[in-house]
Amino acid sequence: MDIDVLGALAVRENGVSITPTAPKPRQVLALLALRADQVVPVAALIEELWGNSPPRSARTTLQTYVLQLRELIAQALEHGRSGAKDVLMTLPGGYLLVSGGGSSDVREFERLAGEGYRAMDQGAFAEAARTLAGALQLWTGAAFADVQAGAQLAMETRRLEESRLCALDQRIEADLRLGRHRELLPELTVLTSRYRTHENLHAQFMLALHRSGRRSESLSVYHQLRATLVNDLGLEPSPRLRRLQHSIQTAAPETAAMPAPFDGAGPAAPARAR
């Protein structure tokens, strides 16, 4: 089974799509696919579909959705593995989707991101940049972009987005350490507009601008971020960001200090995934 959730939902068994078009069966498959080879409790599926107000018929309706998914699996298995119940299994307390060792974009992303983080820790910045870029290329849009999300999928979407942002942050840091500051300017312009309170992205943008000989613009980024933090959150920039601002004011571009990764104390600074 091949599973893609980092963008539009696509699940294929034996090379054939088993992704339903109806919204609620699609939600069920999305949660089962994300947690492939793990039992997903009935309670979690019911919460995903109906929140805190499930109908009395919730379990029966959920069983109907599972049967619909098994029908799609059975069609896909016409010339492959037999037994849709062996692919979408009913177990005590829940359901389990068997991947059969197939591909999963989430698992591949997590594998590549882990390799990239280890390369960063070892100072292998070229390898880290390459590996983390490969991980990020697996994303074709927001996770579950075409799935109606309930409580469970919304939580998983936030988790995945945080993981993506951590990998992006580290890939940019690796590129900065490789002296690719000018190449990063267009990307960081977009990212700092999108993540208006993310201190590390702004710090990276400041440094990239400064090393490109654009010190006044670099300092403008700091002042704009400070205004946003104060007005929106009632917070001042972190001491680490203030130190970077001071070093840019007093140092030449070639001697400006590389900002160290956040320790989690600054606003909107995600902890690095491990």
C-alpha atoms as a PDB file:
ATOM      1  CA  MET A   1       0.000   0.000   0.000  1.00  0.00           C
ATOM      2  CA  ASP A   2       1.218   3.479  -0.912  1.00  0.00           C
ATOM      3  CA  ILE A   3       0.108   6.339   1.337  1.00  0.00           C
ATOM      4  CA  ASP A   4       0.410  10.064   0.672  1.00  0.00           C
ATOM      5  CA  VAL A   5      -0.996  12.621   3.121  1.00  0.00           C
ATOM      6  CA  LEU A   6       1.486  15.518   2.809  1.00  0.00           C
ATOM      7  CA  GLY A   7      -0.812  17.325   0.419  1.00  0.00           C
ATOM      8  CA  ALA A   8      -3.894  15.728  -1.129  1.00  0.00           C
ATOM      9  CA  LEU A   9      -4.869  12.367   0.358  1.00  0.00           C
ATOM     10  CA  ALA A  10      -3.921   9.462  -1.908  1.00  0.00           C
ATOM     11  CA  VAL A  11      -3.994   5.836  -0.798  1.00  0.00           C
ATOM     12  CA  ARG A  12      -3.318   3.062  -3.299  1.00  0.00           C
ATOM     13  CA  GLU A  13      -3.540  -0.677  -2.784  1.00  0.00           C
ATOM     14  CA  ASN A  14      -2.002  -2.881  -5.450  1.00  0.00           C
ATOM     15  CA  GLY A  15      -1.478   0.290  -7.485  1.00  0.00           C
ATOM     16  CA  VAL A  16      -5.195   1.141  -7.483  1.00  0.00           C
ATOM     17  CA  SER A  17      -6.685   4.110  -5.621  1.00  0.00           C
ATOM     18  CA  ILE A  18      -8.849   3.214  -2.629  1.00  0.00           C
ATOM     19  CA  THR A  19      -9.482   6.858  -1.688  1.00  0.00           C
ATOM     20  CA  PRO A  20     -13.242   7.519  -1.421  1.00  0.00           C
ATOM     21  CA  THR A  21     -14.814  10.754  -2.565  1.00  0.00           C
ATOM     22  CA  ALA A  22     -17.457  11.008   0.177  1.00  0.00           C
ATOM     23  CA  PRO A  23     -16.227  13.306   3.000  1.00  0.00           C
ATOM     24  CA  LYS A  24     -16.709  11.085   6.066  1.00  0.00           C
ATOM     25  CA  PRO A  25     -15.304   7.829   4.649  1.00  0.00           C
ATOM     26  CA  ARG A  26     -12.421   9.992   3.425  1.00  0.00           C
ATOM     27  CA  GLN A  27     -11.849  11.196   7.003  1.00  0.00           C
ATOM     28  CA  VAL A  28     -11.839   7.612   8.255  1.00  0.00           C
ATOM     29  CA  LEU A  29      -9.297   6.531   5.650  1.00  0.00           C
ATOM     30  CA  ALA A  30      -7.115   9.583   6.310  1.00  0.00           C
ATOM     31  CA  LEU A  31      -6.790   8.791  10.004  1.00  0.00           C
ATOM     32  CA  LEU A  32      -6.265   5.073   9.382  1.00  0.00           C
ATOM     33  CA  ALA A  33      -3.654   5.811   6.689  1.00  0.00           C
ATOM     34  CA  LEU A  34      -1.718   8.247   8.859  1.00  0.00           C
ATOM     35  CA  ARG A  35      -1.574   5.617  11.600  1.00  0.00           C
ATOM     36  CA  ALA A  36      -1.082   2.653   9.256  1.00  0.00           C
ATOM     37  CA  ASP A  37      -0.034  -0.569  11.018  1.00  0.00           C
ATOM     38  CA  GLN A  38      -1.385   0.796  14.306  1.00  0.00           C
ATOM     39  CA  VAL A  39      -4.772   0.190  15.864  1.00  0.00           C
ATOM     40  CA  VAL A  40      -6.926   3.313  15.666  1.00  0.00           C
ATOM     41  CA  PRO A  41      -9.492   3.210  18.490  1.00  0.00           C
ATOM     42  CA  VAL A  42     -13.162   3.396  17.602  1.00  0.00           C
ATOM     43  CA  ALA A  43     -13.469   6.302  20.043  1.00  0.00           C
ATOM     44  CA  ALA A  44     -10.838   8.293  18.110  1.00  0.00           C
ATOM     45  CA  LEU A  45     -12.634   7.697  14.819  1.00  0.00           C
ATOM     46  CA  ILE A  46     -15.986   8.704  16.302  1.00  0.00           C
ATOM     47  CA  GLU A  47     -14.453  11.872  17.742  1.00  0.00           C
ATOM     48  CA  GLU A  48     -12.940  12.662  14.354  1.00  0.00           C
ATOM     49  CA  LEU A  49     -16.279  12.258  12.579  1.00  0.00           C
ATOM     50  CA  TRP A  50     -18.675  13.848  15.063  1.00  0.00           C
ATOM     51  CA  GLY A  51     -16.655  15.628  17.756  1.00  0.00           C
ATOM     52  CA  ASN A  52     -18.250  15.649  21.200  1.00  0.00           C
ATOM     53  CA  SER A  53     -21.780  15.153  19.885  1.00  0.00           C
ATOM     54  CA  PRO A  54     -21.888  11.766  18.147  1.00  0.00           C
ATOM     55  CA  PRO A  55     -25.279  10.394  17.127  1.00  0.00           C
ATOM     56  CA  ARG A  56     -26.614   7.263  18.768  1.00  0.00           C
ATOM     57  CA  SER A  57     -25.946   5.430  15.535  1.00  0.00           C
ATOM     58  CA  ALA A  58     -22.262   6.472  15.486  1.00  0.00           C
ATOM     59  CA  ARG A  59     -20.789   2.977  15.804  1.00  0.00           C
ATOM     60  CA  THR A  60     -23.141   1.513  13.220  1.00  0.00           C
ATOM     61  CA  THR A  61     -22.455   4.370  10.814  1.00  0.00           C
ATOM     62  CA  LEU A  62     -18.707   3.992  11.333  1.00  0.00           C
ATOM     63  CA  GLN A  63     -19.029   0.288  10.500  1.00  0.00           C
ATOM     64  CA  THR A  64     -20.786   1.288   7.284  1.00  0.00           C
ATOM     65  CA  TYR A  65     -17.898   3.558   6.333  1.00  0.00           C
ATOM     66  CA  VAL A  66     -15.433   0.755   7.035  1.00  0.00           C
ATOM     67  CA  LEU A  67     -17.443  -1.592   4.798  1.00  0.00           C
ATOM     68  CA  GLN A  68     -17.332   1.020   2.035  1.00  0.00           C
ATOM     69  CA  LEU A  69     -13.560   1.216   2.357  1.00  0.00           C
ATOM     70  CA  ARG A  70     -13.294  -2.569   2.240  1.00  0.00           C
ATOM     71  CA  GLU A  71     -15.312  -2.600  -0.972  1.00  0.00           C
ATOM     72  CA  LEU A  72     -12.780  -0.250  -2.544  1.00  0.00           C
ATOM     73  CA  ILE A  73      -9.924  -2.406  -1.227  1.00  0.00           C
ATOM     74  CA  ALA A  74     -11.549  -5.554  -2.595  1.00  0.00           C
ATOM     75  CA  GLN A  75     -11.783  -3.979  -6.062  1.00  0.00           C
ATOM     76  CA  ALA A  76      -8.106  -3.071  -5.883  1.00  0.00           C
ATOM     77  CA  LEU A  77      -7.216  -6.613  -4.832  1.00  0.00           C
ATOM     78  CA  GLU A  78      -8.823  -8.262  -7.857  1.00  0.00           C
ATOM     79  CA  HIS A  79      -5.395  -9.298  -9.142  1.00  0.00           C
ATOM     80  CA  GLY A  80      -3.424  -8.888  -5.909  1.00  0.00           C
ATOM     81  CA  ARG A  81      -3.621  -9.940  -2.273  1.00  0.00           C
ATOM     82  CA  SER A  82      -6.994 -11.439  -1.440  1.00  0.00           C
ATOM     83  CA  GLY A  83      -9.052 -10.504   1.533  1.00  0.00           C
ATOM     84  CA  ALA A  84     -10.014  -6.888   2.164  1.00  0.00           C
ATOM     85  CA  LYS A  85     -10.499  -7.795   5.832  1.00  0.00           C
ATOM     86  CA  ASP A  86      -6.799  -8.639   5.977  1.00  0.00           C
ATOM     87  CA  VAL A  87      -5.947  -5.145   4.741  1.00  0.00           C
ATOM     88  CA  LEU A  88      -8.449  -3.229   6.867  1.00  0.00           C
ATOM     89  CA  MET A  89      -8.677  -5.324   9.995  1.00  0.00           C
ATOM     90  CA  THR A  90     -11.204  -5.212  12.818  1.00  0.00           C
ATOM     91  CA  LEU A  91      -9.440  -5.706  16.138  1.00  0.00           C
ATOM     92  CA  PRO A  92     -10.583  -5.370  19.747  1.00  0.00           C
ATOM     93  CA  GLY A  93     -11.347  -1.706  20.311  1.00  0.00           C
ATOM     94  CA  GLY A  94     -10.520  -0.411  16.846  1.00  0.00           C
ATOM     95  CA  TYR A  95      -9.387  -0.827  13.248  1.00  0.00           C
ATOM     96  CA  LEU A  96      -5.970  -1.317  11.671  1.00  0.00           C
ATOM     97  CA  LEU A  97      -4.915  -0.534   8.112  1.00  0.00           C
ATOM     98  CA  VAL A  98      -2.120  -2.869   6.995  1.00  0.00           C
ATOM     99  CA  SER A  99       0.437  -1.142   4.780  1.00  0.00           C
ATOM    100  CA  GLY A 100       2.196  -4.364   3.805  1.00  0.00           C
ATOM    101  CA  GLY A 101       5.566  -2.622   3.733  1.00  0.00           C
ATOM    102  CA  GLY A 102       4.454  -0.069   1.148  1.00  0.00           C
ATOM    103  CA  SER A 103       5.487   3.560   0.921  1.00  0.00           C
ATOM    104  CA  SER A 104       4.384   6.399   3.197  1.00  0.00           C
ATOM    105  CA  ASP A 105       5.354  10.007   2.549  1.00  0.00           C
ATOM    106  CA  VAL A 106       5.101  10.798   6.277  1.00  0.00           C
ATOM    107  CA  ARG A 107       7.452   7.988   7.248  1.00  0.00           C
ATOM    108  CA  GLU A 108       9.886   8.941   4.501  1.00  0.00           C
ATOM    109  CA  PHE A 109       9.757  12.585   5.579  1.00  0.00           C
ATOM    110  CA  GLU A 110      10.476  11.642   9.192  1.00  0.00           C
ATOM    111  CA  ARG A 111      13.349   9.369   8.129  1.00  0.00           C
ATOM    112  CA  LEU A 112      15.007  12.016   5.955  1.00  0.00           C
ATOM    113  CA  ALA A 113      14.437  14.777   8.508  1.00  0.00           C
ATOM    114  CA  GLY A 114      16.073  12.639  11.196  1.00  0.00           C
ATOM    115  CA  GLU A 115      19.091  12.081   8.961  1.00  0.00           C
ATOM    116  CA  GLY A 116      19.273  15.797   8.280  1.00  0.00           C
ATOM    117  CA  TYR A 117      19.202  16.685  11.972  1.00  0.00           C
ATOM    118  CA  ARG A 118      21.980  14.206  12.690  1.00  0.00           C
ATOM    119  CA  ALA A 119      24.061  15.688   9.870  1.00  0.00           C
ATOM    120  CA  MET A 120      23.531  19.166  11.356  1.00  0.00           C
ATOM    121  CA  ASP A 121      24.681  17.943  14.767  1.00  0.00           C
ATOM    122  CA  GLN A 122      27.820  16.547  13.121  1.00  0.00           C
ATOM    123  CA  GLY A 123      28.566  19.767  11.231  1.00  0.00           C
ATOM    124  CA  ALA A 124      27.952  18.125   7.830  1.00  0.00           C
ATOM    125  CA  PHE A 125      26.021  21.111   6.524  1.00  0.00           C
ATOM    126  CA  ALA A 126      26.034  20.196   2.815  1.00  0.00           C
ATOM    127  CA  GLU A 127      24.627  16.761   3.600  1.00  0.00           C
ATOM    128  CA  ALA A 128      22.096  18.277   5.999  1.00  0.00           C
ATOM    129  CA  ALA A 129      20.902  20.838   3.448  1.00  0.00           C
ATOM    130  CA  ARG A 130      20.552  18.163   0.762  1.00  0.00           C
ATOM    131  CA  THR A 131      18.770  15.657   2.990  1.00  0.00           C
ATOM    132  CA  LEU A 132      16.390  18.162   4.560  1.00  0.00           C
ATOM    133  CA  ALA A 133      15.566  19.590   1.129  1.00  0.00           C
ATOM    134  CA  GLY A 134      14.676  16.067   0.033  1.00  0.00           C
ATOM    135  CA  ALA A 135      12.397  15.682   3.039  1.00  0.00           C
ATOM    136  CA  LEU A 136      10.638  18.972   2.315  1.00  0.00           C
ATOM    137  CA  GLN A 137      10.125  18.079  -1.346  1.00  0.00           C
ATOM    138  CA  LEU A 138       7.746  15.326  -0.231  1.00  0.00           C
ATOM    139  CA  TRP A 139       5.239  18.025   0.716  1.00  0.00           C
ATOM    140  CA  THR A 140       2.933  18.954  -2.168  1.00  0.00           C
ATOM    141  CA  GLY A 141       0.659  21.165  -0.047  1.00  0.00           C
ATOM    142  CA  ALA A 142      -0.802  21.329   3.431  1.00  0.00           C
ATOM    143  CA  ALA A 143      -1.243  17.921   5.063  1.00  0.00           C
ATOM    144  CA  PHE A 144      -4.688  16.429   4.306  1.00  0.00           C
ATOM    145  CA  ALA A 145      -5.319  19.405   2.019  1.00  0.00           C
ATOM    146  CA  ASP A 146      -8.492  17.935   0.537  1.00  0.00           C
ATOM    147  CA  VAL A 147      -9.882  16.212   3.636  1.00  0.00           C
ATOM    148  CA  GLN A 148     -12.523  17.654   5.936  1.00  0.00           C
ATOM    149  CA  ALA A 149     -10.705  17.652   9.272  1.00  0.00           C
ATOM    150  CA  GLY A 150     -12.239  16.850  12.630  1.00  0.00           C
ATOM    151  CA  ALA A 151     -10.517  17.045  16.007  1.00  0.00           C
ATOM    152  CA  GLN A 152      -8.079  14.172  15.431  1.00  0.00           C
ATOM    153  CA  LEU A 153      -6.960  15.179  11.945  1.00  0.00           C
ATOM    154  CA  ALA A 154      -6.716  18.842  12.945  1.00  0.00           C
ATOM    155  CA  MET A 155      -4.343  17.847  15.758  1.00  0.00           C
ATOM    156  CA  GLU A 156      -2.286  15.668  13.403  1.00  0.00           C
ATOM    157  CA  THR A 157      -2.174  18.441  10.807  1.00  0.00           C
ATOM    158  CA  ARG A 158      -0.734  20.847  13.379  1.00  0.00           C
ATOM    159  CA  ARG A 159       1.841  18.262  14.433  1.00  0.00           C
ATOM    160  CA  LEU A 160       2.917  17.618  10.858  1.00  0.00           C
ATOM    161  CA  GLU A 161       3.104  21.325  10.049  1.00  0.00           C
ATOM    162  CA  GLU A 162       5.300  21.864  13.105  1.00  0.00           C
ATOM    163  CA  SER A 163       7.590  19.054  11.925  1.00  0.00           C
ATOM    164  CA  ARG A 164       7.752  20.596   8.457  1.00  0.00           C
ATOM    165  CA  LEU A 165       8.605  24.013   9.913  1.00  0.00           C
ATOM    166  CA  CYS A 166      11.378  22.514  12.045  1.00  0.00           C
ATOM    167  CA  ALA A 167      12.899  20.820   8.999  1.00  0.00           C
ATOM    168  CA  LEU A 168      12.610  24.027   6.982  1.00  0.00           C
ATOM    169  CA  ASP A 169      14.283  26.036   9.739  1.00  0.00           C
ATOM    170  CA  GLN A 170      17.207  23.626   9.890  1.00  0.00           C
ATOM    171  CA  ARG A 171      17.580  23.442   6.099  1.00  0.00           C
ATOM    172  CA  ILE A 172      17.810  27.244   5.947  1.00  0.00           C
ATOM    173  CA  GLU A 173      20.362  27.252   8.761  1.00  0.00           C
ATOM    174  CA  ALA A 174      22.440  24.682   6.866  1.00  0.00           C
ATOM    175  CA  ASP A 175      22.288  26.836   3.723  1.00  0.00           C
ATOM    176  CA  LEU A 176      23.366  29.899   5.686  1.00  0.00           C
ATOM    177  CA  ARG A 177      26.341  28.031   7.080  1.00  0.00           C
ATOM    178  CA  LEU A 178      27.259  27.134   3.497  1.00  0.00           C
ATOM    179  CA  GLY A 179      27.265  30.825   2.519  1.00  0.00           C
ATOM    180  CA  ARG A 180      24.102  30.699   0.424  1.00  0.00           C
ATOM    181  CA  HIS A 181      22.680  33.893   1.921  1.00  0.00           C
ATOM    182  CA  ARG A 182      21.805  35.604  -1.358  1.00  0.00           C
ATOM    183  CA  GLU A 183      19.995  32.541  -2.700  1.00  0.00           C
ATOM    184  CA  LEU A 184      17.866  32.452   0.456  1.00  0.00           C
ATOM    185  CA  LEU A 185      16.546  36.020   0.253  1.00  0.00           C
ATOM    186  CA  PRO A 186      13.459  35.370  -1.934  1.00  0.00           C
ATOM    187  CA  GLU A 187      12.405  32.370   0.155  1.00  0.00           C
ATOM    188  CA  LEU A 188      12.901  34.154   3.458  1.00  0.00           C
ATOM    189  CA  THR A 189      10.956  37.183   2.207  1.00  0.00           C
ATOM    190  CA  VAL A 190       7.932  34.926   1.718  1.00  0.00           C
ATOM    191  CA  LEU A 191       8.409  32.932   4.908  1.00  0.00           C
ATOM    192  CA  THR A 192       8.710  35.938   7.217  1.00  0.00           C
ATOM    193  CA  SER A 193       5.538  37.375   5.698  1.00  0.00           C
ATOM    194  CA  ARG A 194       3.738  34.106   6.326  1.00  0.00           C
ATOM    195  CA  TYR A 195       5.110  33.480   9.830  1.00  0.00           C
ATOM    196  CA  ARG A 196       5.020  37.002  11.205  1.00  0.00           C
ATOM    197  CA  THR A 197       6.121  36.133  14.769  1.00  0.00           C
ATOM    198  CA  HIS A 198       8.599  33.325  14.057  1.00  0.00           C
ATOM    199  CA  GLU A 199      11.826  34.679  15.518  1.00  0.00           C
ATOM    200  CA  ASN A 200      14.252  32.191  14.018  1.00  0.00           C
ATOM    201  CA  LEU A 201      13.068  32.775  10.449  1.00  0.00           C
ATOM    202  CA  HIS A 202      13.385  36.519  11.012  1.00  0.00           C
ATOM    203  CA  ALA A 203      16.867  36.059  12.494  1.00  0.00           C
ATOM    204  CA  GLN A 204      17.889  34.048   9.434  1.00  0.00           C
ATOM    205  CA  PHE A 205      16.434  36.719   7.136  1.00  0.00           C
ATOM    206  CA  MET A 206      18.299  39.441   9.032  1.00  0.00           C
ATOM    207  CA  LEU A 207      21.579  37.592   8.708  1.00  0.00           C
ATOM    208  CA  ALA A 208      21.050  36.763   5.012  1.00  0.00           C
ATOM    209  CA  LEU A 209      20.325  40.428   4.259  1.00  0.00           C
ATOM    210  CA  HIS A 210      23.290  41.642   6.292  1.00  0.00           C
ATOM    211  CA  ARG A 211      25.695  39.225   4.635  1.00  0.00           C
ATOM    212  CA  SER A 212      24.369  40.413   1.284  1.00  0.00           C
ATOM    213  CA  GLY A 213      25.441  43.962   2.175  1.00  0.00           C
ATOM    214  CA  ARG A 214      21.913  45.147   3.002  1.00  0.00           C
ATOM    215  CA  ARG A 215      22.329  46.127   6.631  1.00  0.00           C
ATOM    216  CA  SER A 216      19.605  48.792   6.738  1.00  0.00           C
ATOM    217  CA  GLU A 217      17.045  46.300   5.396  1.00  0.00           C
ATOM    218  CA  SER A 218      18.254  43.738   7.907  1.00  0.00           C
ATOM    219  CA  LEU A 219      17.621  46.136  10.773  1.00  0.00           C
ATOM    220  CA  SER A 220      14.225  47.020   9.295  1.00  0.00           C
ATOM    221  CA  VAL A 221      13.265  43.347   9.536  1.00  0.00           C
ATOM    222  CA  TYR A 222      14.084  43.446  13.239  1.00  0.00           C
ATOM    223  CA  HIS A 223      12.048  46.605  13.873  1.00  0.00           C
ATOM    224  CA  GLN A 224       9.084  45.236  11.939  1.00  0.00           C
ATOM    225  CA  LEU A 225       9.198  41.980  13.913  1.00  0.00           C
ATOM    226  CA  ARG A 226       9.466  43.883  17.199  1.00  0.00           C
ATOM    227  CA  ALA A 227       6.422  45.978  16.328  1.00  0.00           C
ATOM    228  CA  THR A 228       4.441  42.832  15.497  1.00  0.00           C
ATOM    229  CA  LEU A 229       5.472  41.069  18.705  1.00  0.00           C
ATOM    230  CA  VAL A 230       4.645  44.070  20.881  1.00  0.00           C
ATOM    231  CA  ASN A 231       1.343  44.883  19.186  1.00  0.00           C
ATOM    232  CA  ASP A 232       0.065  41.317  18.725  1.00  0.00           C
ATOM    233  CA  LEU A 233       1.522  39.458  21.697  1.00  0.00           C
ATOM    234  CA  GLY A 234       2.678  42.098  24.160  1.00  0.00           C
ATOM    235  CA  LEU A 235       6.215  40.671  23.991  1.00  0.00           C
ATOM    236  CA  GLU A 236       9.649  42.070  23.295  1.00  0.00           C
ATOM    237  CA  PRO A 237      12.049  40.151  21.025  1.00  0.00           C
ATOM    238  CA  SER A 238      14.121  37.538  22.804  1.00  0.00           C
ATOM    239  CA  PRO A 239      17.570  38.426  24.194  1.00  0.00           C
ATOM    240  CA  ARG A 240      19.121  36.279  21.502  1.00  0.00           C
ATOM    241  CA  LEU A 241      17.450  38.272  18.738  1.00  0.00           C
ATOM    242  CA  ARG A 242      18.406  41.560  20.379  1.00  0.00           C
ATOM    243  CA  ARG A 243      22.025  40.386  20.467  1.00  0.00           C
ATOM    244  CA  LEU A 244      21.848  39.612  16.755  1.00  0.00           C
ATOM    245  CA  GLN A 245      20.461  43.078  16.066  1.00  0.00           C
ATOM    246  CA  HIS A 246      23.309  44.646  18.048  1.00  0.00           C
ATOM    247  CA  SER A 247      25.946  42.575  16.237  1.00  0.00           C
ATOM    248  CA  ILE A 248      24.527  43.662  12.873  1.00  0.00           C
ATOM    249  CA  GLN A 249      24.654  47.293  13.940  1.00  0.00           C
ATOM    250  CA  THR A 250      28.307  47.021  14.943  1.00  0.00           C
ATOM    251  CA  ALA A 251      29.849  44.292  12.752  1.00  0.00           C
ATOM    252  CA  ALA A 252      30.794  43.978   9.104  1.00  0.00           C
ATOM    253  CA  PRO A 253      28.768  41.473   7.081  1.00  0.00           C
ATOM    254  CA  GLU A 254      31.602  38.972   6.901  1.00  0.00           C
ATOM    255  CA  THR A 255      32.028  38.984  10.685  1.00  0.00           C
ATOM    256  CA  ALA A 256      28.382  38.934  11.803  1.00  0.00           C
ATOM    257  CA  ALA A 257      27.740  36.019  14.127  1.00  0.00           C
ATOM    258  CA  MET A 258      25.744  33.042  12.904  1.00  0.00           C
ATOM    259  CA  PRO A 259      22.596  32.843  15.051  1.00  0.00           C
ATOM    260  CA  ALA A 260      22.477  29.736  17.194  1.00  0.00           C
ATOM    261  CA  PRO A 261      19.307  27.610  17.049  1.00  0.00           C
ATOM    262  CA  PHE A 262      16.530  28.623  19.417  1.00  0.00           C
ATOM    263  CA  ASP A 263      16.288  26.984  22.797  1.00  0.00           C
ATOM    264  CA  GLY A 264      12.508  27.350  22.690  1.00  0.00           C
ATOM    265  CA  ALA A 265      12.347  30.505  24.796  1.00  0.00           C
ATOM    266  CA  GLY A 266      11.455  32.923  22.007  1.00  0.00           C
ATOM    267  CA  PRO A 267       7.933  33.458  20.665  1.00  0.00           C
ATOM    268  CA  ALA A 268       6.816  31.094  17.928  1.00  0.00           C
ATOM    269  CA  ALA A 269      10.101  29.207  18.132  1.00  0.00           C
ATOM    270  CA  PRO A 270       9.394  25.491  17.539  1.00  0.00           C
ATOM    271  CA  ALA A 271      11.417  22.841  19.303  1.00  0.00           C
ATOM    272  CA  ARG A 272      13.467  20.798  16.898  1.00  0.00           C
ATOM    273  CA  ALA A 273      12.037  17.413  16.088  1.00  0.00           C
ATOM    274  CA  ARG A 274      14.164  14.444  16.963  1.00  0.00           C
END
